[in-house]
Amino acid sequence: MRRILLSAVALAAGSLAADCNGHAELCGRLYSQVTFVGAHNSPFVGIGPSDNQFTSPTEQLDLGVRFLQGQTQDKDGSPEMCHTSCILEDAGPLQDYLQEIKTWVDGNPNEVITLLITNPDAIDITKFGDAFTSTGLANNVFTPSKQLALSEWPTLGDMISSGKRVVVFMDYNMDTSKVPYILDEFGYYFETPFSPTEDNFIQCDIDRPEGASADGRLFLANHNLNIEILPDVLIPAPLEASDTNSIESITSQTNICMSNYGRYPNVVLLDFVSVGDTIAVQNQLNGL
């Protein structure tokens, strides 16, 4: 009875979906009020020292992850899914990565997902736009008409009803005057320290953008443990993933965030999302 009532409330709020991201309770929530577990370096799959996931982006989405992050590098003038450099690890063209996601999005019409793409080589933003257009994923992207305050984001139900249910951010070198749906990550977010090691792992300080206030911003907690094998040379810690991705470990960080800012992170970014309590903690942080 409770589920039926919640679904009715979601429908009244403007959603045509009975469930949103698997839960009727999320349909009436603003995008900015939802916590997503994220897959750090989602396309880099394997057991090597530069791999951050054991499962493919499709499998990550099937698991219930709704936030995928990935790095690009310039390869012959085009964005390639490469980890730090294309010599170290090359997971293929951005277009192939987006095509995989488009296939999943088309098969799962009641889901809102987010992509965070890095662009350290300052590749022409129109080439990213071309990849979204050629795969058809541009038809699903959410494009705000202005910079949104936290209270101005649509609900998940409204995003699903509109079909505009893929949110895209880029860390640096975006240009919304040319590709309006690739949003400025640090215009909207702050992040906790990146590539944390054991000595600075459980904290919720603002790292990027430098000097930012938490007020009015979404925020991302980096919860992906790294091991320093040489000075300034870090690798993921797959053998620790079951502990790192446990409810106890994740909430030890998110509880600090709640204490500091009065709210949980919008994103908890993890390595090896197929290990540990990934979806259980996502549900817990959303009160489900």
C-alpha atoms as a PDB file:
ATOM      1  CA  MET A   1       0.000   0.000   0.000  1.00  0.00           C
ATOM      2  CA  ARG A   2       2.833   2.371   0.916  1.00  0.00           C
ATOM      3  CA  ARG A   3       4.558   1.704  -2.409  1.00  0.00           C
ATOM      4  CA  ILE A   4       1.357   2.375  -4.350  1.00  0.00           C
ATOM      5  CA  LEU A   5       0.898   5.655  -2.506  1.00  0.00           C
ATOM      6  CA  LEU A   6       4.472   6.731  -3.193  1.00  0.00           C
ATOM      7  CA  SER A   7       4.051   5.895  -6.871  1.00  0.00           C
ATOM      8  CA  ALA A   8       0.867   7.986  -6.989  1.00  0.00           C
ATOM      9  CA  VAL A   9       2.689  10.897  -5.417  1.00  0.00           C
ATOM     10  CA  ALA A  10       5.444  10.580  -8.018  1.00  0.00           C
ATOM     11  CA  LEU A  11       2.875  10.582 -10.815  1.00  0.00           C
ATOM     12  CA  ALA A  12       1.227  13.676  -9.385  1.00  0.00           C
ATOM     13  CA  ALA A  13       4.624  15.359  -9.288  1.00  0.00           C
ATOM     14  CA  GLY A  14       4.836  15.005 -13.058  1.00  0.00           C
ATOM     15  CA  SER A  15       6.566  11.687 -13.567  1.00  0.00           C
ATOM     16  CA  LEU A  16       5.146   9.017 -15.840  1.00  0.00           C
ATOM     17  CA  ALA A  17       7.454   6.436 -14.292  1.00  0.00           C
ATOM     18  CA  ALA A  18       6.306   4.253 -11.399  1.00  0.00           C
ATOM     19  CA  ASP A  19       9.944   3.907 -10.304  1.00  0.00           C
ATOM     20  CA  CYS A  20      12.867   6.245 -10.809  1.00  0.00           C
ATOM     21  CA  ASN A  21      16.327   4.702 -10.580  1.00  0.00           C
ATOM     22  CA  GLY A  22      14.589   1.654  -9.166  1.00  0.00           C
ATOM     23  CA  HIS A  23      12.626   3.399  -6.398  1.00  0.00           C
ATOM     24  CA  ALA A  24       9.279   5.190  -6.395  1.00  0.00           C
ATOM     25  CA  GLU A  25      10.570   7.269  -3.477  1.00  0.00           C
ATOM     26  CA  LEU A  26      13.134   8.956  -5.744  1.00  0.00           C
ATOM     27  CA  CYS A  27      10.685  10.174  -8.385  1.00  0.00           C
ATOM     28  CA  GLY A  28       9.724  13.301  -6.484  1.00  0.00           C
ATOM     29  CA  ARG A  29      13.258  14.179  -5.354  1.00  0.00           C
ATOM     30  CA  LEU A  30      15.296  16.865  -6.990  1.00  0.00           C
ATOM     31  CA  TYR A  31      18.406  15.608  -8.769  1.00  0.00           C
ATOM     32  CA  SER A  32      20.387  17.697  -6.291  1.00  0.00           C
ATOM     33  CA  GLN A  33      18.834  15.795  -3.364  1.00  0.00           C
ATOM     34  CA  VAL A  34      19.945  12.332  -4.451  1.00  0.00           C
ATOM     35  CA  THR A  35      23.194  10.562  -3.554  1.00  0.00           C
ATOM     36  CA  PHE A  36      24.768   8.519  -6.340  1.00  0.00           C
ATOM     37  CA  VAL A  37      27.535   5.973  -5.975  1.00  0.00           C
ATOM     38  CA  GLY A  38      30.005   6.623  -8.783  1.00  0.00           C
ATOM     39  CA  ALA A  39      32.413   4.410 -10.706  1.00  0.00           C
ATOM     40  CA  HIS A  40      35.844   6.066 -10.747  1.00  0.00           C
ATOM     41  CA  ASN A  41      37.608   5.592 -14.098  1.00  0.00           C
ATOM     42  CA  SER A  42      34.699   3.460 -15.268  1.00  0.00           C
ATOM     43  CA  PRO A  43      36.152   2.380 -18.655  1.00  0.00           C
ATOM     44  CA  PHE A  44      39.438   1.054 -17.255  1.00  0.00           C
ATOM     45  CA  VAL A  45      38.589  -2.561 -16.541  1.00  0.00           C
ATOM     46  CA  GLY A  46      40.888  -5.390 -15.558  1.00  0.00           C
ATOM     47  CA  ILE A  47      43.414  -6.445 -12.946  1.00  0.00           C
ATOM     48  CA  GLY A  48      46.388  -4.317 -13.958  1.00  0.00           C
ATOM     49  CA  PRO A  49      47.906  -1.476 -11.921  1.00  0.00           C
ATOM     50  CA  SER A  50      46.115   1.166 -14.001  1.00  0.00           C
ATOM     51  CA  ASP A  51      42.692  -0.505 -13.824  1.00  0.00           C
ATOM     52  CA  ASN A  52      40.075   0.889 -11.461  1.00  0.00           C
ATOM     53  CA  GLN A  53      37.159  -1.452 -12.145  1.00  0.00           C
ATOM     54  CA  PHE A  54      36.619  -5.196 -12.493  1.00  0.00           C
ATOM     55  CA  THR A  55      33.439  -4.882 -14.571  1.00  0.00           C
ATOM     56  CA  SER A  56      32.428  -3.045 -17.750  1.00  0.00           C
ATOM     57  CA  PRO A  57      30.444   0.215 -17.774  1.00  0.00           C
ATOM     58  CA  THR A  58      27.352  -1.776 -18.785  1.00  0.00           C
ATOM     59  CA  GLU A  59      27.813  -4.125 -15.839  1.00  0.00           C
ATOM     60  CA  GLN A  60      28.374  -1.154 -13.534  1.00  0.00           C
ATOM     61  CA  LEU A  61      25.060   0.316 -14.659  1.00  0.00           C
ATOM     62  CA  ASP A  62      23.329  -3.063 -14.340  1.00  0.00           C
ATOM     63  CA  LEU A  63      24.590  -3.220 -10.760  1.00  0.00           C
ATOM     64  CA  GLY A  64      22.816   0.057  -9.942  1.00  0.00           C
ATOM     65  CA  VAL A  65      25.629   2.587 -10.351  1.00  0.00           C
ATOM     66  CA  ARG A  66      24.263   5.753 -11.944  1.00  0.00           C
ATOM     67  CA  PHE A  67      27.359   7.975 -12.058  1.00  0.00           C
ATOM     68  CA  LEU A  68      30.241   7.096 -14.376  1.00  0.00           C
ATOM     69  CA  GLN A  69      33.530   8.988 -14.490  1.00  0.00           C
ATOM     70  CA  GLY A  70      36.152   8.572 -17.183  1.00  0.00           C
ATOM     71  CA  GLN A  71      39.354  10.187 -18.436  1.00  0.00           C
ATOM     72  CA  THR A  72      40.068  11.243 -21.988  1.00  0.00           C
ATOM     73  CA  GLN A  73      43.371  12.029 -23.652  1.00  0.00           C
ATOM     74  CA  ASP A  74      44.164  13.420 -27.081  1.00  0.00           C
ATOM     75  CA  LYS A  75      44.885  10.651 -29.581  1.00  0.00           C
ATOM     76  CA  ASP A  76      45.462  11.875 -33.116  1.00  0.00           C
ATOM     77  CA  GLY A  77      43.306  14.907 -32.376  1.00  0.00           C
ATOM     78  CA  SER A  78      40.318  12.983 -31.011  1.00  0.00           C
ATOM     79  CA  PRO A  79      39.170  12.146 -27.460  1.00  0.00           C
ATOM     80  CA  GLU A  80      40.271   8.660 -26.442  1.00  0.00           C
ATOM     81  CA  MET A  81      39.415   6.909 -23.179  1.00  0.00           C
ATOM     82  CA  CYS A  82      42.961   6.715 -21.813  1.00  0.00           C
ATOM     83  CA  HIS A  83      44.211   6.407 -18.247  1.00  0.00           C
ATOM     84  CA  THR A  84      46.774   9.196 -17.729  1.00  0.00           C
ATOM     85  CA  SER A  85      48.263   8.401 -21.144  1.00  0.00           C
ATOM     86  CA  CYS A  86      47.221   6.248 -24.076  1.00  0.00           C
ATOM     87  CA  ILE A  87      50.509   4.353 -23.769  1.00  0.00           C
ATOM     88  CA  LEU A  88      49.627   3.300 -20.219  1.00  0.00           C
ATOM     89  CA  GLU A  89      46.027   2.239 -20.941  1.00  0.00           C
ATOM     90  CA  ASP A  90      43.754   2.827 -23.916  1.00  0.00           C
ATOM     91  CA  ALA A  91      40.110   1.748 -23.582  1.00  0.00           C
ATOM     92  CA  GLY A  92      39.147   2.986 -27.038  1.00  0.00           C
ATOM     93  CA  PRO A  93      37.491   6.058 -28.561  1.00  0.00           C
ATOM     94  CA  LEU A  94      35.061   8.205 -26.609  1.00  0.00           C
ATOM     95  CA  GLN A  95      32.452   7.393 -29.254  1.00  0.00           C
ATOM     96  CA  ASP A  96      32.607   3.670 -28.416  1.00  0.00           C
ATOM     97  CA  TYR A  97      32.249   4.397 -24.694  1.00  0.00           C
ATOM     98  CA  LEU A  98      29.233   6.628 -25.313  1.00  0.00           C
ATOM     99  CA  GLN A  99      27.675   4.073 -27.660  1.00  0.00           C
ATOM    100  CA  GLU A 100      27.775   1.469 -24.893  1.00  0.00           C
ATOM    101  CA  ILE A 101      26.083   3.911 -22.543  1.00  0.00           C
ATOM    102  CA  LYS A 102      23.495   4.892 -25.170  1.00  0.00           C
ATOM    103  CA  THR A 103      22.569   1.240 -25.654  1.00  0.00           C
ATOM    104  CA  TRP A 104      22.048   0.863 -21.920  1.00  0.00           C
ATOM    105  CA  VAL A 105      20.068   4.105 -21.611  1.00  0.00           C
ATOM    106  CA  ASP A 106      17.719   3.049 -24.423  1.00  0.00           C
ATOM    107  CA  GLY A 107      17.076  -0.264 -22.674  1.00  0.00           C
ATOM    108  CA  ASN A 108      16.414   1.338 -19.279  1.00  0.00           C
ATOM    109  CA  PRO A 109      13.930   4.180 -19.764  1.00  0.00           C
ATOM    110  CA  ASN A 110      13.285   4.909 -16.065  1.00  0.00           C
ATOM    111  CA  GLU A 111      16.874   5.710 -15.125  1.00  0.00           C
ATOM    112  CA  VAL A 112      18.737   8.990 -14.686  1.00  0.00           C
ATOM    113  CA  ILE A 113      22.506   8.720 -15.087  1.00  0.00           C
ATOM    114  CA  THR A 114      25.411  11.138 -14.883  1.00  0.00           C
ATOM    115  CA  LEU A 115      28.695  11.208 -16.784  1.00  0.00           C
ATOM    116  CA  LEU A 116      31.789  13.060 -15.584  1.00  0.00           C
ATOM    117  CA  ILE A 117      34.408  13.314 -18.328  1.00  0.00           C
ATOM    118  CA  THR A 118      37.879  14.745 -17.872  1.00  0.00           C
ATOM    119  CA  ASN A 119      39.640  16.739 -20.592  1.00  0.00           C
ATOM    120  CA  PRO A 120      43.192  17.475 -19.417  1.00  0.00           C
ATOM    121  CA  ASP A 121      44.512  17.865 -22.976  1.00  0.00           C
ATOM    122  CA  ALA A 122      42.006  20.626 -23.761  1.00  0.00           C
ATOM    123  CA  ILE A 123      40.633  18.768 -26.774  1.00  0.00           C
ATOM    124  CA  ASP A 124      38.229  20.907 -28.805  1.00  0.00           C
ATOM    125  CA  ILE A 125      34.885  20.598 -27.024  1.00  0.00           C
ATOM    126  CA  THR A 126      33.038  20.265 -30.334  1.00  0.00           C
ATOM    127  CA  LYS A 127      34.716  16.878 -30.811  1.00  0.00           C
ATOM    128  CA  PHE A 128      33.026  15.689 -27.636  1.00  0.00           C
ATOM    129  CA  GLY A 129      29.760  17.089 -28.956  1.00  0.00           C
ATOM    130  CA  ASP A 130      30.294  15.205 -32.206  1.00  0.00           C
ATOM    131  CA  ALA A 131      30.656  11.941 -30.270  1.00  0.00           C
ATOM    132  CA  PHE A 132      27.430  12.560 -28.361  1.00  0.00           C
ATOM    133  CA  THR A 133      25.613  13.395 -31.594  1.00  0.00           C
ATOM    134  CA  SER A 134      26.927  10.461 -33.611  1.00  0.00           C
ATOM    135  CA  THR A 135      25.893   7.944 -30.956  1.00  0.00           C
ATOM    136  CA  GLY A 136      22.476   9.528 -30.455  1.00  0.00           C
ATOM    137  CA  LEU A 137      23.169  10.143 -26.764  1.00  0.00           C
ATOM    138  CA  ALA A 138      22.778  13.882 -27.396  1.00  0.00           C
ATOM    139  CA  ASN A 139      19.044  13.210 -27.673  1.00  0.00           C
ATOM    140  CA  ASN A 140      18.977  12.144 -24.018  1.00  0.00           C
ATOM    141  CA  VAL A 141      21.140  14.811 -22.396  1.00  0.00           C
ATOM    142  CA  PHE A 142      19.792  17.339 -19.934  1.00  0.00           C
ATOM    143  CA  THR A 143      20.507  20.956 -20.893  1.00  0.00           C
ATOM    144  CA  PRO A 144      19.676  23.594 -18.275  1.00  0.00           C
ATOM    145  CA  SER A 145      18.570  26.976 -19.524  1.00  0.00           C
ATOM    146  CA  LYS A 146      20.827  28.698 -16.979  1.00  0.00           C
ATOM    147  CA  GLN A 147      23.184  27.967 -14.096  1.00  0.00           C
ATOM    148  CA  LEU A 148      21.031  26.075 -11.616  1.00  0.00           C
ATOM    149  CA  ALA A 149      20.864  26.600  -7.873  1.00  0.00           C
ATOM    150  CA  LEU A 150      20.470  23.469  -5.765  1.00  0.00           C
ATOM    151  CA  SER A 151      16.738  24.125  -5.459  1.00  0.00           C
ATOM    152  CA  GLU A 152      16.284  24.579  -9.215  1.00  0.00           C
ATOM    153  CA  TRP A 153      17.238  21.106 -10.427  1.00  0.00           C
ATOM    154  CA  PRO A 154      14.350  19.032 -11.793  1.00  0.00           C
ATOM    155  CA  THR A 155      13.119  15.901 -10.055  1.00  0.00           C
ATOM    156  CA  LEU A 156      14.234  12.503 -11.305  1.00  0.00           C
ATOM    157  CA  GLY A 157      10.628  11.881 -12.328  1.00  0.00           C
ATOM    158  CA  ASP A 158      10.509  15.007 -14.458  1.00  0.00           C
ATOM    159  CA  MET A 159      13.826  14.153 -16.104  1.00  0.00           C
ATOM    160  CA  ILE A 160      12.584  10.684 -16.962  1.00  0.00           C
ATOM    161  CA  SER A 161       9.272  12.014 -18.301  1.00  0.00           C
ATOM    162  CA  SER A 162      11.079  14.506 -20.533  1.00  0.00           C
ATOM    163  CA  GLY A 163      13.546  11.919 -21.805  1.00  0.00           C
ATOM    164  CA  LYS A 164      16.388  14.261 -20.842  1.00  0.00           C
ATOM    165  CA  ARG A 165      17.905  11.983 -18.233  1.00  0.00           C
ATOM    166  CA  VAL A 166      21.642  11.973 -18.904  1.00  0.00           C
ATOM    167  CA  VAL A 167      23.545  14.722 -17.085  1.00  0.00           C
ATOM    168  CA  VAL A 168      27.065  15.450 -18.366  1.00  0.00           C
ATOM    169  CA  PHE A 169      29.857  17.278 -16.573  1.00  0.00           C
ATOM    170  CA  MET A 170      33.465  18.007 -17.565  1.00  0.00           C
ATOM    171  CA  ASP A 171      36.221  18.966 -15.160  1.00  0.00           C
ATOM    172  CA  TYR A 172      38.136  21.461 -17.308  1.00  0.00           C
ATOM    173  CA  ASN A 173      38.181  22.921 -20.820  1.00  0.00           C
ATOM    174  CA  MET A 174      34.462  22.797 -21.549  1.00  0.00           C
ATOM    175  CA  ASP A 175      32.607  25.580 -23.376  1.00  0.00           C
ATOM    176  CA  THR A 176      28.836  25.675 -22.914  1.00  0.00           C
ATOM    177  CA  SER A 177      28.530  28.311 -25.632  1.00  0.00           C
ATOM    178  CA  LYS A 178      29.553  25.578 -28.091  1.00  0.00           C
ATOM    179  CA  VAL A 179      28.207  22.420 -26.415  1.00  0.00           C
ATOM    180  CA  PRO A 180      25.618  23.609 -23.874  1.00  0.00           C
ATOM    181  CA  TYR A 181      24.930  20.237 -22.265  1.00  0.00           C
ATOM    182  CA  ILE A 182      28.539  19.516 -21.217  1.00  0.00           C
ATOM    183  CA  LEU A 183      28.431  21.354 -17.914  1.00  0.00           C
ATOM    184  CA  ASP A 184      31.267  22.850 -15.900  1.00  0.00           C
ATOM    185  CA  GLU A 185      31.878  20.405 -13.061  1.00  0.00           C
ATOM    186  CA  PHE A 186      33.481  22.966 -10.783  1.00  0.00           C
ATOM    187  CA  GLY A 187      30.820  25.515 -11.573  1.00  0.00           C
ATOM    188  CA  TYR A 188      28.418  23.119  -9.865  1.00  0.00           C
ATOM    189  CA  TYR A 189      30.507  20.849  -7.611  1.00  0.00           C
ATOM    190  CA  PHE A 190      33.225  20.776  -5.067  1.00  0.00           C
ATOM    191  CA  GLU A 191      35.317  17.661  -4.471  1.00  0.00           C
ATOM    192  CA  THR A 192      37.171  16.213  -1.518  1.00  0.00           C
ATOM    193  CA  PRO A 193      40.905  15.471  -2.064  1.00  0.00           C
ATOM    194  CA  PHE A 194      41.562  13.420  -5.179  1.00  0.00           C
ATOM    195  CA  SER A 195      43.507  10.111  -5.178  1.00  0.00           C
ATOM    196  CA  PRO A 196      43.447   9.768  -1.385  1.00  0.00           C
ATOM    197  CA  THR A 197      45.869   7.451   0.384  1.00  0.00           C
ATOM    198  CA  GLU A 198      45.445   5.841   3.793  1.00  0.00           C
ATOM    199  CA  ASP A 199      46.847   8.820   5.688  1.00  0.00           C
ATOM    200  CA  ASN A 200      44.209  11.264   4.331  1.00  0.00           C
ATOM    201  CA  PHE A 201      41.389   8.915   3.420  1.00  0.00           C
ATOM    202  CA  ILE A 202      38.586   9.484   5.907  1.00  0.00           C
ATOM    203  CA  GLN A 203      37.854  13.220   5.738  1.00  0.00           C
ATOM    204  CA  CYS A 204      35.545  15.602   3.884  1.00  0.00           C
ATOM    205  CA  ASP A 205      37.591  18.741   3.271  1.00  0.00           C
ATOM    206  CA  ILE A 206      37.079  20.875   0.174  1.00  0.00           C
ATOM    207  CA  ASP A 207      39.957  20.357  -2.265  1.00  0.00           C
ATOM    208  CA  ARG A 208      38.705  21.568  -5.652  1.00  0.00           C
ATOM    209  CA  PRO A 209      37.952  24.225  -6.646  1.00  0.00           C
ATOM    210  CA  GLU A 210      40.474  25.893  -4.385  1.00  0.00           C
ATOM    211  CA  GLY A 211      38.901  28.311  -1.924  1.00  0.00           C
ATOM    212  CA  ALA A 212      35.339  27.283  -2.785  1.00  0.00           C
ATOM    213  CA  SER A 213      32.457  27.450  -0.353  1.00  0.00           C
ATOM    214  CA  ALA A 214      30.180  24.448   0.059  1.00  0.00           C
ATOM    215  CA  ASP A 215      27.146  26.709  -0.062  1.00  0.00           C
ATOM    216  CA  GLY A 216      25.017  26.185  -3.143  1.00  0.00           C
ATOM    217  CA  ARG A 217      27.213  23.439  -4.596  1.00  0.00           C
ATOM    218  CA  LEU A 218      26.717  19.776  -5.266  1.00  0.00           C
ATOM    219  CA  PHE A 219      29.635  17.780  -3.910  1.00  0.00           C
ATOM    220  CA  LEU A 220      31.621  14.654  -4.638  1.00  0.00           C
ATOM    221  CA  ALA A 221      33.440  12.587  -2.025  1.00  0.00           C
ATOM    222  CA  ASN A 222      36.434  10.698  -3.385  1.00  0.00           C
ATOM    223  CA  HIS A 223      36.395   7.329  -1.626  1.00  0.00           C
ATOM    224  CA  ASN A 224      38.826   5.422  -3.832  1.00  0.00           C
ATOM    225  CA  LEU A 225      41.854   4.255  -1.855  1.00  0.00           C
ATOM    226  CA  ASN A 226      45.297   4.474  -3.464  1.00  0.00           C
ATOM    227  CA  ILE A 227      48.699   3.035  -2.605  1.00  0.00           C
ATOM    228  CA  GLU A 228      51.841   5.125  -3.116  1.00  0.00           C
ATOM    229  CA  ILE A 229      54.398   2.692  -4.557  1.00  0.00           C
ATOM    230  CA  LEU A 230      56.948   5.408  -5.351  1.00  0.00           C
ATOM    231  CA  PRO A 231      56.991   9.147  -4.554  1.00  0.00           C
ATOM    232  CA  ASP A 232      53.949  10.598  -6.352  1.00  0.00           C
ATOM    233  CA  VAL A 233      53.226   7.261  -8.081  1.00  0.00           C
ATOM    234  CA  LEU A 234      49.844   5.934  -7.000  1.00  0.00           C
ATOM    235  CA  ILE A 235      47.999   2.759  -7.927  1.00  0.00           C
ATOM    236  CA  PRO A 236      44.529   1.513  -6.908  1.00  0.00           C
ATOM    237  CA  ALA A 237      44.123  -0.905  -4.005  1.00  0.00           C
ATOM    238  CA  PRO A 238      41.959  -3.794  -5.269  1.00  0.00           C
ATOM    239  CA  LEU A 239      42.810  -6.112  -2.385  1.00  0.00           C
ATOM    240  CA  GLU A 240      41.340  -3.548   0.007  1.00  0.00           C
ATOM    241  CA  ALA A 241      38.173  -2.981  -2.037  1.00  0.00           C
ATOM    242  CA  SER A 242      35.834  -5.045   0.124  1.00  0.00           C
ATOM    243  CA  ASP A 243      36.807  -2.980   3.167  1.00  0.00           C
ATOM    244  CA  THR A 244      37.016   0.341   1.301  1.00  0.00           C
ATOM    245  CA  ASN A 245      33.569  -0.176  -0.234  1.00  0.00           C
ATOM    246  CA  SER A 246      31.929  -1.372   2.979  1.00  0.00           C
ATOM    247  CA  ILE A 247      29.081   0.517   4.590  1.00  0.00           C
ATOM    248  CA  GLU A 248      31.291   1.108   7.621  1.00  0.00           C
ATOM    249  CA  SER A 249      34.109   2.702   5.616  1.00  0.00           C
ATOM    250  CA  ILE A 250      31.918   4.794   3.327  1.00  0.00           C
ATOM    251  CA  THR A 251      29.668   6.103   6.071  1.00  0.00           C
ATOM    252  CA  SER A 252      32.681   6.980   8.207  1.00  0.00           C
ATOM    253  CA  GLN A 253      33.419   9.559   5.518  1.00  0.00           C
ATOM    254  CA  THR A 254      29.875  10.585   4.632  1.00  0.00           C
ATOM    255  CA  ASN A 255      29.045  11.135   8.304  1.00  0.00           C
ATOM    256  CA  ILE A 256      31.893  13.656   8.469  1.00  0.00           C
ATOM    257  CA  CYS A 257      30.429  15.334   5.387  1.00  0.00           C
ATOM    258  CA  MET A 258      27.041  15.504   7.064  1.00  0.00           C
ATOM    259  CA  SER A 259      28.646  17.035  10.153  1.00  0.00           C
ATOM    260  CA  ASN A 260      30.580  19.581   8.082  1.00  0.00           C
ATOM    261  CA  TYR A 261      27.900  20.608   5.574  1.00  0.00           C
ATOM    262  CA  GLY A 262      24.561  19.373   6.890  1.00  0.00           C
ATOM    263  CA  ARG A 263      24.030  16.961   3.997  1.00  0.00           C
ATOM    264  CA  TYR A 264      25.448  13.826   2.433  1.00  0.00           C
ATOM    265  CA  PRO A 265      27.545  13.957  -0.732  1.00  0.00           C
ATOM    266  CA  ASN A 266      25.759  13.910  -4.056  1.00  0.00           C
ATOM    267  CA  VAL A 267      28.373  11.448  -5.286  1.00  0.00           C
ATOM    268  CA  VAL A 268      30.587   8.904  -3.536  1.00  0.00           C
ATOM    269  CA  LEU A 269      33.233   7.926  -6.088  1.00  0.00           C
ATOM    270  CA  LEU A 270      34.550   4.363  -5.770  1.00  0.00           C
ATOM    271  CA  ASP A 271      36.986   1.994  -7.409  1.00  0.00           C
ATOM    272  CA  PHE A 272      35.894  -1.609  -8.003  1.00  0.00           C
ATOM    273  CA  VAL A 273      32.184  -0.924  -7.560  1.00  0.00           C
ATOM    274  CA  SER A 274      31.343  -4.615  -8.011  1.00  0.00           C
ATOM    275  CA  VAL A 275      32.983  -5.357  -4.645  1.00  0.00           C
ATOM    276  CA  GLY A 276      31.585  -4.473  -1.229  1.00  0.00           C
ATOM    277  CA  ASP A 277      28.363  -2.709  -0.223  1.00  0.00           C
ATOM    278  CA  THR A 278      28.127  -0.304  -3.163  1.00  0.00           C
ATOM    279  CA  ILE A 279      24.375  -0.319  -3.763  1.00  0.00           C
ATOM    280  CA  ALA A 280      23.423  -0.996  -0.156  1.00  0.00           C
ATOM    281  CA  VAL A 281      25.209   2.175   0.938  1.00  0.00           C
ATOM    282  CA  GLN A 282      23.664   4.155  -1.943  1.00  0.00           C
ATOM    283  CA  ASN A 283      20.246   3.082  -0.733  1.00  0.00           C
ATOM    284  CA  GLN A 284      21.106   3.866   2.875  1.00  0.00           C
ATOM    285  CA  LEU A 285      22.349   7.375   2.080  1.00  0.00           C
ATOM    286  CA  ASN A 286      19.103   7.994   0.176  1.00  0.00           C
ATOM    287  CA  GLY A 287      17.008   6.749   3.101  1.00  0.00           C
ATOM    288  CA  LEU A 288      15.684   3.774   1.144  1.00  0.00           C
END
